[in-house]
C-alpha cells in the first residue's frame, strides 16, 4: 500500500535525483558548494543509520534496523522534496531535490525494492579512487583498495543505471550527465 502510494506520487511531482555514489566521488563537496540548497541537497551518510551508539557515547553496535531505517528516510525525503521549488543548478534543470546515498549492497537492492529511481556513480578505475582517498587520508582507503572489484561489480550487477567515470559529481552535474 505504501509503495503503491509512493509510485503514484512519483508520477506527478517535481524531479528528485537519488544518486548512490561511491566514496570520494564528491557527494559532500557538491552538497557543501551548493549550500544555498541545504534543505534540497541531502548528503545522506548511511553511518548515521547503520550504527547505534550507547548513551555514554563511547561505544557502538550495528543497528539491526539498517538498511530499512535508511531506506525509509530516503523514500520519505524523496516524496517530500518533490514539493520543493526547482533549484537553479547548472546542468540540472527541473530538479527540486538531490539525495546522495551510499552504494552498500543492501542499500542498492533496497532502492530497487522500494521502487525508487536512482543512478549509481562509481569510479572508472581503482587508481582514481585511491588517489582521492589518499588525498583526504580516508580511513576506509585500505578496505576499499582490497575490495574495489567486489564493490564495483556488485553495483554494476544490481543498479539499473550506472555512471562509470573519473569525473566527480560536480563535473557530471555541470555536464548534464547525471540524468
Foldseek 3Di string as FASTA:
>chain_A
DVLVVLVVLCVPFFAEAEEAEEPLLCLVVVQVVVVVPVVFRAAQECVVVQWDADPVRPDIDGDPCPPVVVLVVVSVSRSVQRPADFDDDALDPRYSHYYYHHLPLVVLQSCVVSVHAHEYEYEQDLVLVLVSCVVVVPPCNVVCSVCVVVSVVSSVVRHPHYHYYSHHPSVCRNVNNRD
